[in-house]
C-alpha atoms as a PDB file:
ATOM      1  CA  MET A   1      19.794  32.964  43.730  1.00  0.00           C
ATOM      2  CA  SER A   2      18.086  36.032  43.550  1.00  0.00           C
ATOM      3  CA  TYR A   3      19.585  39.645  43.272  1.00  0.00           C
ATOM      4  CA  GLY A   4      19.944  40.269  46.968  1.00  0.00           C
ATOM      5  CA  ASN A   5      21.666  37.169  47.827  1.00  0.00           C
ATOM      6  CA  TRP A   6      24.463  38.212  45.020  1.00  0.00           C
ATOM      7  CA  LEU A   7      26.084  40.709  47.196  1.00  0.00           C
ATOM      8  CA  PRO A   8      26.363  38.734  50.716  1.00  0.00           C
ATOM      9  CA  ASN A   9      28.510  36.226  48.735  1.00  0.00           C
ATOM     10  CA  PRO A  10      32.072  36.957  48.934  1.00  0.00           C
ATOM     11  CA  PRO A  11      33.434  35.460  45.747  1.00  0.00           C
ATOM     12  CA  THR A  12      30.589  36.880  43.963  1.00  0.00           C
ATOM     13  CA  ALA A  13      31.174  40.502  44.949  1.00  0.00           C
ATOM     14  CA  ILE A  14      34.793  40.176  44.365  1.00  0.00           C
ATOM     15  CA  GLY A  15      34.891  38.512  40.905  1.00  0.00           C
ATOM     16  CA  PHE A  16      32.642  41.823  40.356  1.00  0.00           C
ATOM     17  CA  ILE A  17      34.507  44.421  41.474  1.00  0.00           C
ATOM     18  CA  LEU A  18      37.890  42.470  39.267  1.00  0.00           C
ATOM     19  CA  ILE A  19      35.772  42.863  36.527  1.00  0.00           C
ATOM     20  CA  ALA A  20      34.709  46.349  36.725  1.00  0.00           C
ATOM     21  CA  ALA A  21      38.114  46.697  37.115  1.00  0.00           C
ATOM     22  CA  LEU A  22      39.314  45.254  33.730  1.00  0.00           C
ATOM     23  CA  VAL A  23      36.453  46.894  31.713  1.00  0.00           C
ATOM     24  CA  ALA A  24      38.105  50.217  33.610  1.00  0.00           C
ATOM     25  CA  VAL A  25      41.690  49.720  32.315  1.00  0.00           C
ATOM     26  CA  ILE A  26      40.227  48.578  28.744  1.00  0.00           C
ATOM     27  CA  LEU A  27      38.451  51.813  28.209  1.00  0.00           C
ATOM     28  CA  GLY A  28      41.388  53.763  29.685  1.00  0.00           C
ATOM     29  CA  ASN A  29      44.009  52.106  27.553  1.00  0.00           C
ATOM     30  CA  ASN A  30      41.721  52.530  24.124  1.00  0.00           C
ATOM     31  CA  TYR A  31      41.141  56.186  24.803  1.00  0.00           C
ATOM     32  CA  GLU A  32      44.902  56.886  25.747  1.00  0.00           C
ATOM     33  CA  TYR A  33      45.743  55.389  22.614  1.00  0.00           C
ATOM     34  CA  SER A  34      43.428  57.345  20.450  1.00  0.00           C
ATOM     35  CA  GLU A  35      43.976  60.372  21.857  1.00  0.00           C
ATOM     36  CA  CYS A  36      48.131  59.644  21.428  1.00  0.00           C
ATOM     37  CA  GLY A  37      47.454  58.599  17.827  1.00  0.00           C
ATOM     38  CA  SER A  38      45.158  61.808  16.869  1.00  0.00           C
ATOM     39  CA  ALA A  39      47.680  64.355  18.235  1.00  0.00           C
ATOM     40  CA  GLY A  40      50.934  63.026  16.620  1.00  0.00           C
ATOM     41  CA  ALA A  41      48.963  62.592  13.183  1.00  0.00           C
ATOM     42  CA  ALA A  42      48.315  66.384  13.402  1.00  0.00           C
ATOM     43  CA  ASN A  43      51.323  67.450  15.140  1.00  0.00           C
ATOM     44  CA  ARG A  44      54.204  65.414  12.896  1.00  0.00           C
ATOM     45  CA  TYR A  45      53.235  64.063   9.873  1.00  0.00           C
ATOM     46  CA  GLU A  46      51.984  66.255   6.613  1.00  0.00           C
ATOM     47  CA  THR A  47      50.322  64.237   3.449  1.00  0.00           C
ATOM     48  CA  ALA A  48      50.705  65.429   0.328  1.00  0.00           C
ATOM     49  CA  THR A  49      47.906  66.073  -1.803  1.00  0.00           C
ATOM     50  CA  CYS A  50      46.900  66.571  -5.501  1.00  0.00           C
ATOM     51  CA  ALA A  51      47.335  70.005  -5.744  1.00  0.00           C
ATOM     52  CA  ASP A  52      50.903  70.285  -4.137  1.00  0.00           C
ATOM     53  CA  ASP A  53      52.000  67.724  -6.378  1.00  0.00           C
ATOM     54  CA  PRO A  54      49.949  66.983  -9.935  1.00  0.00           C
ATOM     55  CA  SER A  55      51.528  63.658 -10.222  1.00  0.00           C
ATOM     56  CA  LEU A  56      50.154  62.412  -7.230  1.00  0.00           C
ATOM     57  CA  SER A  57      46.766  62.394  -8.674  1.00  0.00           C
ATOM     58  CA  ASN A  58      46.330  58.876  -9.078  1.00  0.00           C
ATOM     59  CA  VAL A  59      48.049  57.801  -5.859  1.00  0.00           C
ATOM     60  CA  GLY A  60      45.749  57.455  -3.120  1.00  0.00           C
ATOM     61  CA  THR A  61      48.813  57.438   0.021  1.00  0.00           C
ATOM     62  CA  ALA A  62      50.205  59.657   1.777  1.00  0.00           C
ATOM     63  CA  HIS A  63      53.888  60.589   1.447  1.00  0.00           C
ATOM     64  CA  PRO A  64      56.369  62.683   3.344  1.00  0.00           C
ATOM     65  CA  VAL A  65      56.500  66.497   1.178  1.00  0.00           C
ATOM     66  CA  ASP A  66      60.275  66.282   2.420  1.00  0.00           C
ATOM     67  CA  ASP A  67      63.381  64.343   3.923  1.00  0.00           C
ATOM     68  CA  SER A  68      63.016  66.211   7.387  1.00  0.00           C
ATOM     69  CA  SER A  69      59.192  65.365   6.824  1.00  0.00           C
ATOM     70  CA  TYR A  70      60.314  61.893   6.669  1.00  0.00           C
ATOM     71  CA  ALA A  71      62.599  61.291   8.872  1.00  0.00           C
ATOM     72  CA  ASP A  72      60.055  63.258  11.625  1.00  0.00           C
ATOM     73  CA  TRP A  73      57.386  60.588  10.081  1.00  0.00           C
ATOM     74  CA  GLN A  74      59.831  58.020  11.041  1.00  0.00           C
ATOM     75  CA  THR A  75      60.472  59.224  14.501  1.00  0.00           C
ATOM     76  CA  TYR A  76      56.831  59.799  15.229  1.00  0.00           C
ATOM     77  CA  LYS A  77      55.970  55.790  13.816  1.00  0.00           C
ATOM     78  CA  GLU A  78      59.371  54.438  16.189  1.00  0.00           C
ATOM     79  CA  TYR A  79      57.555  56.703  19.335  1.00  0.00           C
ATOM     80  CA  LEU A  80      54.397  54.582  18.036  1.00  0.00           C
ATOM     81  CA  ASP A  81      55.669  51.668  18.098  1.00  0.00           C
ATOM     82  CA  LEU A  82      57.443  52.151  21.544  1.00  0.00           C
ATOM     83  CA  SER A  83      54.318  53.284  22.860  1.00  0.00           C
ATOM     84  CA  ALA A  84      52.412  50.094  21.849  1.00  0.00           C
ATOM     85  CA  GLN A  85      54.926  48.075  23.581  1.00  0.00           C
ATOM     86  CA  ARG A  86      54.721  50.446  26.608  1.00  0.00           C
ATOM     87  CA  GLN A  87      51.011  50.142  26.449  1.00  0.00           C
ATOM     88  CA  MET A  88      51.505  45.837  25.950  1.00  0.00           C
ATOM     89  CA  ALA A  89      53.779  45.637  28.885  1.00  0.00           C
ATOM     90  CA  ARG A  90      51.567  47.667  31.026  1.00  0.00           C
ATOM     91  CA  TRP A  91      48.486  45.498  29.982  1.00  0.00           C
ATOM     92  CA  ALA A  92      50.277  41.898  30.823  1.00  0.00           C
ATOM     93  CA  TYR A  93      51.118  43.784  34.060  1.00  0.00           C
ATOM     94  CA  VAL A  94      47.687  44.251  34.495  1.00  0.00           C
ATOM     95  CA  MET A  95      47.054  40.681  33.824  1.00  0.00           C
ATOM     96  CA  ILE A  96      49.612  39.357  35.879  1.00  0.00           C
ATOM     97  CA  TRP A  97      47.348  41.207  38.814  1.00  0.00           C
ATOM     98  CA  VAL A  98      44.410  40.269  37.659  1.00  0.00           C
ATOM     99  CA  SER A  99      45.374  36.487  36.937  1.00  0.00           C
ATOM    100  CA  THR A 100      47.001  36.147  40.344  1.00  0.00           C
ATOM    101  CA  ALA A 101      43.515  37.829  41.733  1.00  0.00           C
ATOM    102  CA  GLY A 102      41.391  35.270  40.145  1.00  0.00           C
ATOM    103  CA  VAL A 103      44.188  32.624  42.248  1.00  0.00           C
ATOM    104  CA  PHE A 104      42.699  33.874  45.346  1.00  0.00           C
ATOM    105  CA  VAL A 105      39.223  34.636  43.883  1.00  0.00           C
ATOM    106  CA  THR A 106      38.943  31.145  42.831  1.00  0.00           C
ATOM    107  CA  LEU A 107      40.718  29.681  46.332  1.00  0.00           C
ATOM    108  CA  ALA A 108      38.247  31.792  48.522  1.00  0.00           C
ATOM    109  CA  GLY A 109      35.178  30.617  46.379  1.00  0.00           C
ATOM    110  CA  VAL A 110      36.206  26.927  47.067  1.00  0.00           C
ATOM    111  CA  ILE A 111      36.540  27.605  50.650  1.00  0.00           C
ATOM    112  CA  TYR A 112      33.010  29.175  50.517  1.00  0.00           C
ATOM    113  CA  VAL A 113      31.654  26.935  48.630  1.00  0.00           C
ATOM    114  CA  ALA A 114      33.457  24.464  51.516  1.00  0.00           C
ATOM    115  CA  MET A 115      32.289  26.255  53.851  1.00  0.00           C
ATOM    116  CA  THR A 116      28.501  25.937  52.778  1.00  0.00           C
ATOM    117  CA  LEU A 117      28.731  22.327  52.129  1.00  0.00           C
ATOM    118  CA  GLY A 118      29.419  21.711  55.545  1.00  0.00           C
ATOM    119  CA  ALA A 119      26.786  24.013  56.852  1.00  0.00           C
ATOM    120  CA  THR A 120      24.387  22.248  54.614  1.00  0.00           C
ATOM    121  CA  ARG A 121      25.620  19.011  56.599  1.00  0.00           C
ATOM    122  CA  GLU A 122      25.306  19.968  59.603  1.00  0.00           C
ATOM    123  CA  ALA A 123      22.070  21.640  59.070  1.00  0.00           C
ATOM    124  CA  VAL A 124      20.915  18.040  57.313  1.00  0.00           C
ATOM    125  CA  SER A 125      21.991  16.345  60.382  1.00  0.00           C
ATOM    126  CA  ALA A 126      20.520  18.717  62.800  1.00  0.00           C
ATOM    127  CA  THR A 127      17.270  17.930  60.635  1.00  0.00           C
ATOM    128  CA  ASN A 128      17.657  14.575  60.680  1.00  0.00           C
ATOM    129  CA  ARG A 129      18.425  14.086  64.337  1.00  0.00           C
ATOM    130  CA  ALA A 130      15.358  16.337  65.293  1.00  0.00           C
ATOM    131  CA  THR A 131      13.225  13.777  62.670  1.00  0.00           C
ATOM    132  CA  ASP A 132      14.447  10.774  65.013  1.00  0.00           C
ATOM    133  CA  GLU A 133      13.307  13.124  67.955  1.00  0.00           C
ATOM    134  CA  THR A 134       9.471  13.214  66.530  1.00  0.00           C
ATOM    135  CA  ARG A 135       9.167  10.121  65.562  1.00  0.00           C
ATOM    136  CA  LYS A 136      10.701   8.365  69.039  1.00  0.00           C
ATOM    137  CA  ILE A 137       8.294  11.031  70.708  1.00  0.00           C
ATOM    138  CA  GLY A 138       5.589  10.163  68.501  1.00  0.00           C
ATOM    139  CA  GLU A 139       6.108   6.239  68.808  1.00  0.00           C
ATOM    140  CA  ALA A 140       6.266   6.585  72.951  1.00  0.00           C
ATOM    141  CA  GLN A 141       2.909   8.338  72.587  1.00  0.00           C
ATOM    142  CA  ALA A 142       1.171   6.109  70.506  1.00  0.00           C
ATOM    143  CA  ARG A 143       2.355   2.709  71.867  1.00  0.00           C
ATOM    144  CA  ALA A 144       1.108   0.227  74.140  1.00  0.00           C
ATOM    145  CA  TYR A 145       2.310   0.383  78.365  1.00  0.00           C
ATOM    146  CA  LEU A 146       0.973  -2.582  80.017  1.00  0.00           C
ATOM    147  CA  SER A 147       1.129  -2.448  84.310  1.00  0.00           C
ATOM    148  CA  CYS A 148      -0.419  -5.135  86.825  1.00  0.00           C
ATOM    149  CA  PRO A 149      -1.519  -2.905  89.534  1.00  0.00           C
ATOM    150  CA  ASP A 150      -3.035  -5.952  91.805  1.00  0.00           C
ATOM    151  CA  GLY A 151      -4.513  -9.608  91.201  1.00  0.00           C
ATOM    152  CA  ILE A 152      -6.273 -11.953  93.485  1.00  0.00           C
ATOM    153  CA  PHE A 153      -5.247 -15.393  95.042  1.00  0.00           C
ATOM    154  CA  LYS A 154      -8.159 -18.046  96.052  1.00  0.00           C
ATOM    155  CA  VAL A 155      -7.160 -20.908  98.132  1.00  0.00           C
ATOM    156  CA  ASN A 156     -10.203 -23.285  98.774  1.00  0.00           C
ATOM    157  CA  PRO A 157     -10.652 -24.333 102.387  1.00  0.00           C
ATOM    158  CA  ALA A 158     -12.491 -27.790 101.693  1.00  0.00           C
ATOM    159  CA  ASN A 159      -9.383 -28.700  98.747  1.00  0.00           C
ATOM    160  CA  HIS A 160      -6.299 -26.911  98.890  1.00  0.00           C
ATOM    161  CA  CYS A 161      -5.228 -28.116  95.636  1.00  0.00           C
ATOM    162  CA  ASP A 162      -7.890 -26.345  93.893  1.00  0.00           C
ATOM    163  CA  SER A 163      -6.474 -23.012  94.059  1.00  0.00           C
ATOM    164  CA  GLU A 164      -7.124 -19.965  92.103  1.00  0.00           C
ATOM    165  CA  ILE A 165      -5.313 -16.895  90.939  1.00  0.00           C
ATOM    166  CA  ALA A 166      -6.379 -13.692  88.900  1.00  0.00           C
ATOM    167  CA  ILE A 167      -4.200 -10.989  87.619  1.00  0.00           C
ATOM    168  CA  ASN A 168      -5.210  -7.749  86.357  1.00  0.00           C
ATOM    169  CA  ILE A 169      -2.991  -6.616  83.293  1.00  0.00           C
ATOM    170  CA  ARG A 170      -3.692  -3.197  82.451  1.00  0.00           C
ATOM    171  CA  ASN A 171      -3.031  -1.259  79.183  1.00  0.00           C
ATOM    172  CA  SER A 172      -3.027   2.288  79.531  1.00  0.00           C
ATOM    173  CA  GLY A 173      -1.091   3.087  76.314  1.00  0.00           C
ATOM    174  CA  ASN A 174      -2.930   4.401  73.184  1.00  0.00           C
ATOM    175  CA  SER A 175      -2.677   1.515  70.618  1.00  0.00           C
ATOM    176  CA  PRO A 176      -3.625  -2.547  71.209  1.00  0.00           C
ATOM    177  CA  ALA A 177      -0.854  -4.824  73.084  1.00  0.00           C
ATOM    178  CA  ARG A 178      -0.861  -8.153  70.948  1.00  0.00           C
ATOM    179  CA  GLU A 179       0.894 -11.499  70.807  1.00  0.00           C
ATOM    180  CA  LEU A 180       0.432 -11.420  74.923  1.00  0.00           C
ATOM    181  CA  SER A 181       2.335 -13.636  77.012  1.00  0.00           C
ATOM    182  CA  MET A 182       2.567 -14.458  80.680  1.00  0.00           C
ATOM    183  CA  LYS A 183       5.117 -16.686  83.068  1.00  0.00           C
ATOM    184  CA  VAL A 184       4.313 -16.664  86.456  1.00  0.00           C
ATOM    185  CA  LYS A 185       6.095 -17.972  89.718  1.00  0.00           C
ATOM    186  CA  VAL A 186       3.746 -18.291  92.787  1.00  0.00           C
ATOM    187  CA  VAL A 187       6.073 -18.221  96.328  1.00  0.00           C
ATOM    188  CA  ALA A 188       4.365 -18.940  99.708  1.00  0.00           C
ATOM    189  CA  ASP A 189       6.586 -17.779 102.342  1.00  0.00           C
ATOM    190  CA  TYR A 190       4.888 -19.181 105.808  1.00  0.00           C
ATOM    191  CA  SER A 191       5.849 -19.576 109.155  1.00  0.00           C
ATOM    192  CA  ALA A 192       4.741 -21.176 112.326  1.00  0.00           C
ATOM    193  CA  ASP A 193       4.457 -19.816 115.853  1.00  0.00           C
ATOM    194  CA  GLY A 194       7.005 -16.662 114.771  1.00  0.00           C
ATOM    195  CA  MET A 195       9.542 -18.925 112.955  1.00  0.00           C
ATOM    196  CA  ALA A 196      10.114 -19.069 109.423  1.00  0.00           C
ATOM    197  CA  ILE A 197       9.442 -23.013 108.656  1.00  0.00           C
ATOM    198  CA  GLY A 198       9.022 -23.347 104.625  1.00  0.00           C
ATOM    199  CA  LEU A 199       9.065 -21.595 101.520  1.00  0.00           C
ATOM    200  CA  ILE A 200       6.904 -23.025  98.138  1.00  0.00           C
ATOM    201  CA  SER A 201       7.625 -22.039  94.884  1.00  0.00           C
ATOM    202  CA  ILE A 202       5.657 -22.922  92.258  1.00  0.00           C
ATOM    203  CA  ARG A 203       6.211 -21.924  88.595  1.00  0.00           C
ATOM    204  CA  LEU A 204       3.106 -21.891  86.221  1.00  0.00           C
ATOM    205  CA  PRO A 205       3.158 -22.981  82.806  1.00  0.00           C
ATOM    206  CA  LYS A 206       3.391 -20.196  80.137  1.00  0.00           C
ATOM    207  CA  LEU A 207       0.376 -18.915  79.644  1.00  0.00           C
ATOM    208  CA  LEU A 208      -1.302 -16.890  76.656  1.00  0.00           C
ATOM    209  CA  ILE A 209      -3.080 -14.163  76.927  1.00  0.00           C
ATOM    210  CA  HIS A 210      -5.494 -12.271  74.503  1.00  0.00           C
ATOM    211  CA  ASP A 211      -4.773  -9.007  73.005  1.00  0.00           C
ATOM    212  CA  ILE A 212      -5.523  -6.007  75.488  1.00  0.00           C
ATOM    213  CA  ALA A 213      -6.919  -3.096  73.688  1.00  0.00           C
ATOM    214  CA  SER A 214      -6.015   0.782  74.495  1.00  0.00           C
ATOM    215  CA  HIS A 215      -7.163   1.778  78.212  1.00  0.00           C
ATOM    216  CA  GLU A 216      -8.694  -1.485  78.568  1.00  0.00           C
ATOM    217  CA  THR A 217      -7.726  -4.027  81.516  1.00  0.00           C
ATOM    218  CA  HIS A 218      -7.726  -7.976  81.294  1.00  0.00           C
ATOM    219  CA  SER A 219      -7.597 -10.475  84.083  1.00  0.00           C
ATOM    220  CA  PRO A 220      -6.248 -13.923  83.137  1.00  0.00           C
ATOM    221  CA  ARG A 221      -6.997 -16.784  85.383  1.00  0.00           C
ATOM    222  CA  ALA A 222      -4.371 -19.787  85.839  1.00  0.00           C
ATOM    223  CA  ILE A 223      -5.013 -22.783  88.161  1.00  0.00           C
ATOM    224  CA  ILE A 224      -2.424 -23.593  91.054  1.00  0.00           C
ATOM    225  CA  SER A 225      -2.327 -27.394  91.257  1.00  0.00           C
ATOM    226  CA  GLY A 226       1.065 -27.521  93.240  1.00  0.00           C
ATOM    227  CA  LEU A 227       0.259 -26.134  96.754  1.00  0.00           C
ATOM    228  CA  ASP A 228       0.875 -28.301  99.597  1.00  0.00           C
ATOM    229  CA  GLN A 229      -1.837 -28.608 102.983  1.00  0.00           C
ATOM    230  CA  LEU A 230       0.787 -26.719 105.066  1.00  0.00           C
ATOM    231  CA  SER A 231       0.743 -23.533 102.570  1.00  0.00           C
ATOM    232  CA  ALA A 232      -2.592 -23.831 102.225  1.00  0.00           C
ATOM    233  CA  ASP A 233      -3.303 -23.874 105.816  1.00  0.00           C
ATOM    234  CA  CYS A 234      -0.848 -20.880 106.898  1.00  0.00           C
ATOM    235  CA  LEU A 235      -2.034 -18.648 104.150  1.00  0.00           C
ATOM    236  CA  LEU A 236      -6.001 -19.457 105.104  1.00  0.00           C
ATOM    237  CA  LYS A 237      -4.871 -18.425 109.080  1.00  0.00           C
ATOM    238  CA  GLY A 238      -2.613 -15.260 107.178  1.00  0.00           C
ATOM    239  CA  GLU A 239       0.554 -16.642 108.699  1.00  0.00           C
ATOM    240  CA  ALA A 240       2.214 -16.864 105.272  1.00  0.00           C
ATOM    241  CA  ASP A 241       2.836 -14.156 102.475  1.00  0.00           C
ATOM    242  CA  ILE A 242       1.927 -15.056  99.033  1.00  0.00           C
ATOM    243  CA  GLY A 243       4.219 -13.395  96.221  1.00  0.00           C
ATOM    244  CA  VAL A 244       3.124 -13.483  92.779  1.00  0.00           C
ATOM    245  CA  PHE A 245       5.778 -12.748  89.811  1.00  0.00           C
ATOM    246  CA  GLY A 246       6.674 -12.614  86.363  1.00  0.00           C
ATOM    247  CA  ALA A 247       7.160 -10.849  83.062  1.00  0.00           C
ATOM    248  CA  ILE A 248       4.668 -10.189  80.387  1.00  0.00           C
ATOM    249  CA  ASN A 249       5.500 -10.221  76.903  1.00  0.00           C
ATOM    250  CA  PHE A 250       4.174  -8.435  74.216  1.00  0.00           C
ATOM    251  CA  THR A 251       4.592  -6.692  70.397  1.00  0.00           C
ATOM    252  CA  ASP A 252       3.343  -3.417  69.896  1.00  0.00           C
ATOM    253  CA  VAL A 253       1.357  -1.636  66.694  1.00  0.00           C
ATOM    254  CA  PHE A 254       5.062  -0.802  65.542  1.00  0.00           C
ATOM    255  CA  GLY A 255       6.460  -4.522  65.615  1.00  0.00           C
ATOM    256  CA  VAL A 256       8.845  -4.059  68.468  1.00  0.00           C
ATOM    257  CA  GLU A 257       8.351  -6.899  71.164  1.00  0.00           C
ATOM    258  CA  GLU A 258       8.461  -5.353  74.522  1.00  0.00           C
ATOM    259  CA  SER A 259       8.225  -6.929  78.358  1.00  0.00           C
ATOM    260  CA  HIS A 260       7.152  -5.675  80.767  1.00  0.00           C
ATOM    261  CA  ARG A 261       8.355  -7.397  85.102  1.00  0.00           C
ATOM    262  CA  PHE A 262       5.696  -7.150  87.942  1.00  0.00           C
ATOM    263  CA  ALA A 263       5.432  -8.541  91.313  1.00  0.00           C
ATOM    264  CA  LEU A 264       2.315  -9.186  93.591  1.00  0.00           C
ATOM    265  CA  VAL A 265       2.189  -9.717  97.213  1.00  0.00           C
ATOM    266  CA  GLY A 266      -0.651 -10.420  99.674  1.00  0.00           C
ATOM    267  CA  ARG A 267      -1.425 -11.718 103.216  1.00  0.00           C
ATOM    268  CA  ARG A 268      -4.962 -12.713 104.172  1.00  0.00           C
ATOM    269  CA  GLU A 269      -6.281 -10.043 106.842  1.00  0.00           C
ATOM    270  CA  ASN A 270      -9.900 -10.918 107.026  1.00  0.00           C
ATOM    271  CA  ASN A 271     -12.200 -13.818 106.675  1.00  0.00           C
ATOM    272  CA  GLU A 272     -13.498 -12.810 102.926  1.00  0.00           C
ATOM    273  CA  ILE A 273     -15.269 -15.783 100.984  1.00  0.00           C
ATOM    274  CA  ASP A 274     -16.471 -15.715  97.839  1.00  0.00           C
ATOM    275  CA  SER A 275     -19.502 -17.283  96.349  1.00  0.00           C
ATOM    276  CA  ASP A 276     -17.998 -20.359  95.256  1.00  0.00           C
ATOM    277  CA  GLY A 277     -16.340 -20.519  98.960  1.00  0.00           C
ATOM    278  CA  PHE A 278     -12.930 -19.380  97.969  1.00  0.00           C
ATOM    279  CA  ALA A 279     -10.552 -17.755 100.860  1.00  0.00           C
ATOM    280  CA  ILE A 280     -10.039 -14.533  98.768  1.00  0.00           C
ATOM    281  CA  ILE A 281      -6.372 -13.191  99.505  1.00  0.00           C
ATOM    282  CA  PRO A 282      -6.080  -9.733  97.795  1.00  0.00           C
ATOM    283  CA  LEU A 283      -2.793  -9.194  95.704  1.00  0.00           C
ATOM    284  CA  VAL A 284      -0.831  -5.616  95.661  1.00  0.00           C
ATOM    285  CA  ARG A 285       1.969  -4.206  93.699  1.00  0.00           C
ATOM    286  CA  CYS A 286       5.479  -4.752  95.085  1.00  0.00           C
ATOM    287  CA  HIS A 287       9.186  -4.115  93.700  1.00  0.00           C
ATOM    288  CA  PRO A 288      10.061  -6.632  91.809  1.00  0.00           C
ATOM    289  CA  ASP A 289      13.447  -7.539  93.027  1.00  0.00           C
ATOM    290  CA  ARG A 290      11.237  -8.564  96.442  1.00  0.00           C
ATOM    291  CA  TRP A 291      10.674 -12.126  94.913  1.00  0.00           C
ATOM    292  CA  ARG A 292      13.875 -13.120  93.002  1.00  0.00           C
END
């Protein structure tokens, strides 16, 4: 604790004040006792010397000169005793107040220490909360963020069982996504002559995907083998919607397992054919609850 911090501490300041008062009382008592002793000895007590009485030449102590002087000396001695007793009583009275004040100072010190400890705990808690928030912000800035913005569904007009789906997975975060896996379900909702006549649902096996680095896009592909002829014809004619939905599971760099739901929908609106002769149906993002 530096000197500048002593005075703002209430128990320390009160303790200094009590010590100063105690020193002042002691000095005052010593001064009063010395003054009374010297004055009384000069006025009320006479000592005999060798010149007054030759018989006292070998005596080194003082004696009263006569009976009246001896009586005065006895009176002064009693006065000194009474004065000492008064001083002791006064000193005991002062000590009572000093002791009482010491108790209150001690109590104030205990309260002050308790308040200081409480403030310290609150400061530590605030620091821990700030540290946690900073850590969360850092993790949020560094973690991986996956999304499925679009995809492609392909149908072979010559062989409806030979269909294919490709889903674009984009990592827009600042760290790689690891241990990826995908669960996909394909739904074909088709109708004939304006009336709904069928709904086919195909659940693909769990797809294992390579790790996706930061700010990269990966396009896993899967073969669709459960598409029937009616569904394929409706898709090729643009009379059916194809829906793809599922979830991507991955682990971020902090070892936390994450899951991202996605949903895509598409309908053939033109006669686009790729180089392999497959009809192309573009898929776009939609709300995941649409295909529940």
